[in-house]
Protein backbone atom coordinates (compact mmCIF):
# COMPACT_ATOMS: atom_id res chain seq x y z
CA MET A 1 0.00 0.00 0.00
CA THR A 2 1.23 3.49 -0.81
CA SER A 3 1.42 5.97 2.03
CA PRO A 4 -0.29 9.35 1.60
CA SER A 5 3.05 11.18 1.66
CA SER A 6 4.37 9.26 -1.35
CA THR A 7 1.39 10.00 -3.63
CA PRO A 8 0.99 13.25 -5.56
CA GLU A 9 -1.09 15.82 -3.73
CA THR A 10 -4.72 15.87 -4.81
CA ILE A 11 -7.19 18.34 -3.40
CA VAL A 12 -10.89 17.53 -3.50
CA GLU A 13 -13.23 20.49 -3.64
CA ILE A 14 -16.59 19.51 -2.15
CA VAL A 15 -19.45 21.92 -2.71
CA THR A 16 -22.94 21.14 -1.37
CA PHE A 17 -26.07 23.17 -2.07
CA LYS A 18 -29.74 23.13 -3.01
CA LEU A 19 -31.22 24.80 -6.05
CA ASN A 20 -33.45 27.85 -5.97
CA ALA A 21 -37.18 27.14 -6.10
CA GLY A 22 -38.36 26.49 -9.63
CA VAL A 23 -34.97 25.45 -11.02
CA SER A 24 -35.16 22.01 -12.64
CA ASP A 25 -32.45 19.38 -12.47
CA GLN A 26 -32.15 19.58 -16.26
CA ASP A 27 -31.63 23.36 -16.13
CA TYR A 28 -28.93 23.01 -13.50
CA LEU A 29 -27.16 20.18 -15.33
CA ALA A 30 -27.14 22.20 -18.56
CA ALA A 31 -25.76 25.25 -16.75
CA SER A 32 -23.12 23.14 -15.02
CA GLN A 33 -22.05 21.52 -18.27
CA ALA A 34 -21.77 25.01 -19.80
CA THR A 35 -19.04 25.80 -17.24
CA GLN A 36 -17.01 22.70 -17.97
CA THR A 37 -14.87 24.10 -20.81
CA PHE A 38 -13.80 26.92 -18.47
CA VAL A 39 -13.20 24.62 -15.49
CA ARG A 40 -11.31 22.02 -17.54
CA ALA A 41 -8.93 24.75 -18.79
CA LEU A 42 -8.02 25.93 -15.27
CA PRO A 43 -4.51 24.97 -14.11
CA GLY A 44 -4.49 21.89 -11.92
CA PHE A 45 -7.91 20.55 -12.95
CA ARG A 46 -8.18 16.75 -12.76
CA SER A 47 -11.86 15.73 -12.71
CA ARG A 48 -15.37 16.80 -11.79
CA SER A 49 -18.64 15.05 -10.97
CA LEU A 50 -22.08 15.94 -9.63
CA SER A 51 -24.46 14.00 -7.44
CA LYS A 52 -27.86 14.70 -5.92
CA SER A 53 -29.33 13.19 -2.75
CA LYS A 54 -32.96 12.27 -2.13
CA ASP A 55 -33.43 15.44 -0.06
CA GLY A 56 -32.43 17.64 -3.02
CA THR A 57 -28.89 18.41 -1.85
CA TRP A 58 -26.41 18.51 -4.72
CA THR A 59 -22.70 17.79 -4.33
CA ASP A 60 -20.14 19.03 -6.84
CA TYR A 61 -16.83 17.14 -6.49
CA VAL A 62 -13.81 18.65 -8.23
CA LYS A 63 -10.30 17.22 -8.01
CA TRP A 64 -7.33 19.59 -8.28
CA SER A 65 -3.63 18.83 -8.45
CA ASP A 66 -2.82 21.06 -5.46
CA MET A 67 -4.29 23.57 -3.02
CA ALA A 68 -2.99 26.61 -4.90
CA SER A 69 -4.85 25.49 -8.03
CA ALA A 70 -8.03 24.82 -6.05
CA GLN A 71 -7.91 28.24 -4.40
CA ALA A 72 -7.16 30.02 -7.68
CA ALA A 73 -10.13 28.26 -9.28
CA THR A 74 -12.37 29.32 -6.39
CA GLU A 75 -11.42 32.94 -7.07
CA ALA A 76 -11.72 32.67 -10.87
CA PHE A 77 -14.99 30.72 -11.07
CA PRO A 78 -17.48 33.47 -10.11
CA LYS A 79 -15.87 35.85 -12.65
CA ASN A 80 -16.68 33.58 -15.60
CA GLU A 81 -19.89 34.38 -17.52
CA ALA A 82 -21.16 30.77 -17.61
CA ALA A 83 -20.32 30.34 -13.93
CA MET A 84 -22.22 33.51 -13.02
CA ALA A 85 -25.32 32.03 -14.67
CA LEU A 86 -24.82 28.76 -12.77
CA ILE A 87 -24.41 30.53 -9.43
CA GLN A 88 -27.76 32.28 -9.93
CA LEU A 89 -29.51 28.87 -9.85
CA ILE A 90 -28.16 27.96 -6.39
CA ASP A 91 -29.81 28.85 -3.07
CA ALA A 92 -26.88 30.70 -1.49
CA SER A 93 -28.17 30.04 2.04
CA THR A 94 -27.54 26.31 1.51
CA LEU A 95 -24.08 26.59 -0.06
CA SER A 96 -21.09 24.99 1.66
CA MET A 97 -17.59 24.55 0.21
CA ARG A 98 -14.46 22.91 1.51
CA HIS A 99 -11.11 21.72 0.17
CA ASP A 100 -9.82 18.40 1.51
CA GLN A 101 -6.59 16.57 0.79
CA CYS A 102 -7.32 13.24 -0.86
CA LEU A 103 -5.42 10.52 0.98
CA TRP A 104 -6.61 7.53 -1.05
CA SER A 105 -8.56 6.97 -4.25
CA SER A 106 -9.52 4.03 -6.43
CA SER A 107 -11.25 3.70 -9.78
């Protein structure tokens, strides 16, 4: 088994939220996909996925190569036109974001 210190640093950005009233899943997915070209081009981007729980809470998982890349993306994201449109669909009172170091992953 590989120890965490011997693997490349990976930062997982975990964003949870609910959508504003009246926003459909399809509308949110389309808006999220519209941001992907921008996100994919950001330095340090590795992968991204979305999930939704039964209670309507969405989770956006983004993997970055390092903390500096994750933090730079956090600052750049709301300045992008497609991202601004996406942000308008989210109930800001439910939004939570954190950046964790990934210690183990399998696919």
